[in-house]
Protein backbone atom coordinates (compact mmCIF):
# COMPACT_ATOMS: atom_id res chain seq x y z
CA MET A 1 63.79 32.79 -17.11
CA GLY A 2 64.32 29.43 -15.51
CA ARG A 3 66.99 28.24 -17.86
CA ARG A 4 67.67 25.79 -15.07
CA GLN A 5 64.16 24.33 -15.26
CA LYS A 6 64.40 20.60 -15.67
CA ILE A 7 62.04 17.94 -16.81
CA ILE A 8 62.84 15.20 -14.31
CA GLU A 9 61.56 11.66 -14.50
CA LYS A 10 62.50 8.15 -13.52
CA ALA A 11 63.19 5.70 -16.29
CA ASP A 12 63.51 2.03 -15.45
CA HIS A 13 63.92 2.94 -11.74
CA LYS A 14 67.07 4.93 -12.50
CA ASN A 15 67.38 8.69 -12.39
CA PHE A 16 66.72 10.28 -15.78
CA GLU A 17 66.69 14.06 -16.07
CA PHE A 18 65.99 15.88 -19.31
CA ASP A 19 66.94 19.55 -19.07
CA TYR A 20 65.25 20.87 -22.19
CA PHE A 21 66.54 24.41 -21.78
CA ARG A 22 70.20 23.36 -21.50
CA ASN A 23 69.87 20.55 -24.07
CA VAL A 24 71.21 17.85 -21.78
CA ILE A 25 70.18 14.59 -20.18
CA PHE A 26 71.58 13.56 -16.82
CA PHE A 27 71.56 9.81 -16.30
CA ARG A 28 73.33 7.95 -13.48
CA GLY A 29 76.03 10.59 -13.15
CA ARG A 30 76.48 10.78 -16.90
CA LEU A 31 75.91 13.97 -18.87
CA ILE A 32 74.47 13.43 -22.35
CA HIS A 33 74.67 16.51 -24.56
CA LEU A 34 71.94 17.07 -27.13
CA THR A 35 71.81 19.51 -29.98
CA PRO A 36 68.94 22.02 -29.75
CA HIS A 37 67.32 20.15 -32.65
CA GLU A 38 67.57 16.81 -30.82
CA ALA A 39 66.16 18.39 -27.65
CA ASP A 40 63.17 19.75 -29.60
CA ILE A 41 62.46 16.34 -31.11
CA LEU A 42 62.84 14.53 -27.78
CA ARG A 43 60.50 17.05 -26.12
CA VAL A 44 57.81 16.41 -28.74
CA LEU A 45 58.21 12.63 -28.52
CA LEU A 46 58.11 12.67 -24.70
CA ASN A 47 55.01 14.86 -24.78
CA ASN A 48 53.40 12.25 -27.01
CA ARG A 49 54.64 9.29 -24.98
CA GLY A 50 52.42 6.28 -25.43
CA ARG A 51 51.46 7.04 -29.00
CA THR A 52 53.13 7.22 -32.35
CA THR A 53 54.02 10.68 -33.65
CA SER A 54 54.05 11.01 -37.41
CA LEU A 55 57.03 12.48 -39.23
CA GLU A 56 54.76 15.27 -40.50
CA SER A 57 53.66 16.09 -36.96
CA LEU A 58 57.29 16.15 -35.77
CA ILE A 59 58.23 18.47 -38.63
CA GLN A 60 55.33 20.81 -37.83
CA SER A 61 56.11 20.81 -34.09
CA VAL A 62 59.82 21.40 -34.54
CA TYR A 63 59.85 23.80 -37.49
CA GLY A 64 56.37 25.31 -37.59
CA ALA A 65 55.76 27.48 -40.64
CA ARG A 66 59.47 27.82 -41.45
CA GLU A 67 59.90 24.21 -42.55
CA PRO A 68 63.03 23.73 -44.72
CA GLU A 69 63.06 21.36 -47.70
CA THR A 70 65.41 19.06 -45.79
CA ALA A 71 63.18 18.82 -42.70
CA ALA A 72 62.34 15.11 -43.03
CA THR A 73 65.98 14.12 -43.49
CA SER A 74 67.02 16.39 -40.63
CA ILE A 75 64.47 14.77 -38.28
CA ARG A 76 65.56 11.26 -39.28
CA VAL A 77 69.25 12.06 -38.74
CA ALA A 78 68.51 13.62 -35.34
CA ILE A 79 66.44 10.58 -34.29
CA TYR A 80 69.28 8.27 -35.30
CA SER A 81 71.65 10.33 -33.14
CA LEU A 82 69.15 10.45 -30.24
CA ARG A 83 68.79 6.67 -30.30
CA LYS A 84 72.54 6.29 -29.89
CA LYS A 85 72.66 8.84 -27.08
CA LEU A 86 69.72 7.26 -25.22
CA GLU A 87 71.15 3.73 -25.25
CA GLY A 88 71.10 2.22 -21.78
CA THR A 89 68.90 4.93 -20.22
CA GLY A 90 65.62 2.99 -20.31
CA VAL A 91 64.23 5.47 -22.84
CA GLU A 92 64.20 4.49 -26.48
CA ILE A 93 62.74 5.79 -29.71
CA ARG A 94 61.04 3.19 -31.87
CA ALA A 95 59.99 3.61 -35.46
CA GLN A 96 56.61 2.42 -36.68
CA TYR A 97 57.10 1.74 -40.39
CA LYS A 98 55.37 4.41 -42.49
CA VAL A 99 53.56 5.72 -39.39
CA GLY A 100 56.10 7.63 -37.27
CA TYR A 101 58.06 7.42 -34.04
CA GLU A 102 57.23 6.52 -30.46
CA VAL A 103 59.13 6.87 -27.20
CA LYS A 104 59.15 3.84 -24.97
CA ALA A 105 60.16 4.49 -21.39
CA ALA A 106 60.00 2.06 -18.53
CA GLU A 107 58.32 3.35 -15.37
CA VAL A 108 57.62 6.96 -16.36
CA PRO A 109 54.18 7.30 -14.76
CA GLU A 110 53.64 11.06 -14.52
CA LEU A 111 55.75 12.30 -17.41
CA ASN A 112 52.99 14.10 -19.30
CA ARG A 113 51.59 15.91 -16.27
CA ARG A 114 55.01 17.01 -15.10
CA LEU A 115 55.99 18.10 -18.58
CA SER A 116 52.82 20.18 -18.78
CA ASP A 117 53.61 21.81 -15.44
CA LYS A 118 57.16 22.68 -16.45
CA ILE A 119 56.10 23.92 -19.88
CA LEU A 120 53.36 26.10 -18.39
CA LEU A 121 55.83 27.64 -15.93
CA ALA A 122 58.35 28.33 -18.70
CA LEU A 123 55.57 29.71 -20.93
CA ASN A 124 54.50 32.21 -18.27
CA GLN A 125 58.08 33.28 -17.64
CA ALA A 126 58.86 33.67 -21.34
CA ASP A 127 55.64 35.64 -21.83
CA GLU A 128 56.62 38.02 -19.01
CA LEU A 129 59.99 38.57 -20.69
CA GLY A 130 58.37 39.21 -24.09
CA GLU A 131 60.05 36.23 -25.75
CA ARG A 132 57.47 35.67 -28.51
CA ALA A 133 59.31 32.91 -30.40
CA ILE A 134 59.82 30.91 -27.20
CA VAL A 135 56.20 31.50 -26.16
CA ASP A 136 54.96 30.09 -29.48
CA ARG A 137 57.14 26.98 -29.19
CA LEU A 138 56.08 26.40 -25.60
CA ARG A 139 52.39 26.80 -26.46
CA ALA A 140 52.76 24.08 -29.09
CA ALA A 141 54.54 21.86 -26.54
CA LEU A 142 51.83 22.48 -23.94
CA GLN A 143 49.09 21.58 -26.40
CA LEU A 144 50.85 18.30 -27.23
CA ALA A 145 51.32 17.48 -23.54
CA GLU A 146 47.66 18.17 -22.77
CA GLU A 147 46.49 16.02 -25.69
CA SER A 148 48.73 13.21 -24.48
CA GLN A 149 47.33 13.52 -20.92
CA GLN A 150 43.79 13.24 -22.27
CA ARG A 151 44.68 10.11 -24.25
CA ALA A 152 46.35 8.57 -21.20
CA ARG A 153 43.25 9.26 -19.08
CA LYS A 154 40.99 7.68 -21.70
CA THR A 155 43.24 4.64 -21.93
CA GLY A 156 43.21 4.28 -18.13
CA GLU A 157 39.42 4.60 -18.04
CA GLN A 158 39.08 1.96 -20.75
CA ARG A 159 41.30 -0.44 -18.77
CA VAL A 160 39.19 0.05 -15.66
CA LEU A 161 36.00 -0.64 -17.63
CA GLN A 162 37.53 -3.77 -19.20
CA GLU A 163 38.71 -5.07 -15.83
CA SER A 164 35.32 -4.47 -14.17
CA GLY A 165 33.35 -5.84 -17.10
């Protein structure tokens, strides 16, 4: 499988690469290592870019049916660590009190579409290899990316209507 598949985007006009399968971010010649848990959380938040993702939704996306009792604390600790690791990259995770978390990224115009493309490719490859657990995780990621694309399209259409009206 394309363990070398990368999710590549520009953040704040600087190169920002998130390699989900290797759990690393490449930024301006710097290598930022992520734990698998941090990479899962960042993937979900990036797929939902532009909207707040509830803690419950993050827990469901990351753990699925095998949610441990410490899931909420684990997510919060990982987000704290991610925030530190993302400092200076143009990508930040913001908390909305009692609502959830949102990724803010400067100049990341096609992130959701490109994420969907990469996830779909990885899904097909994992399916061919019979990797059921990976297939299930990638299907959840693809669904989130597609929902985010639909929201972005609706938001863009609303802006056009407002500007013409």
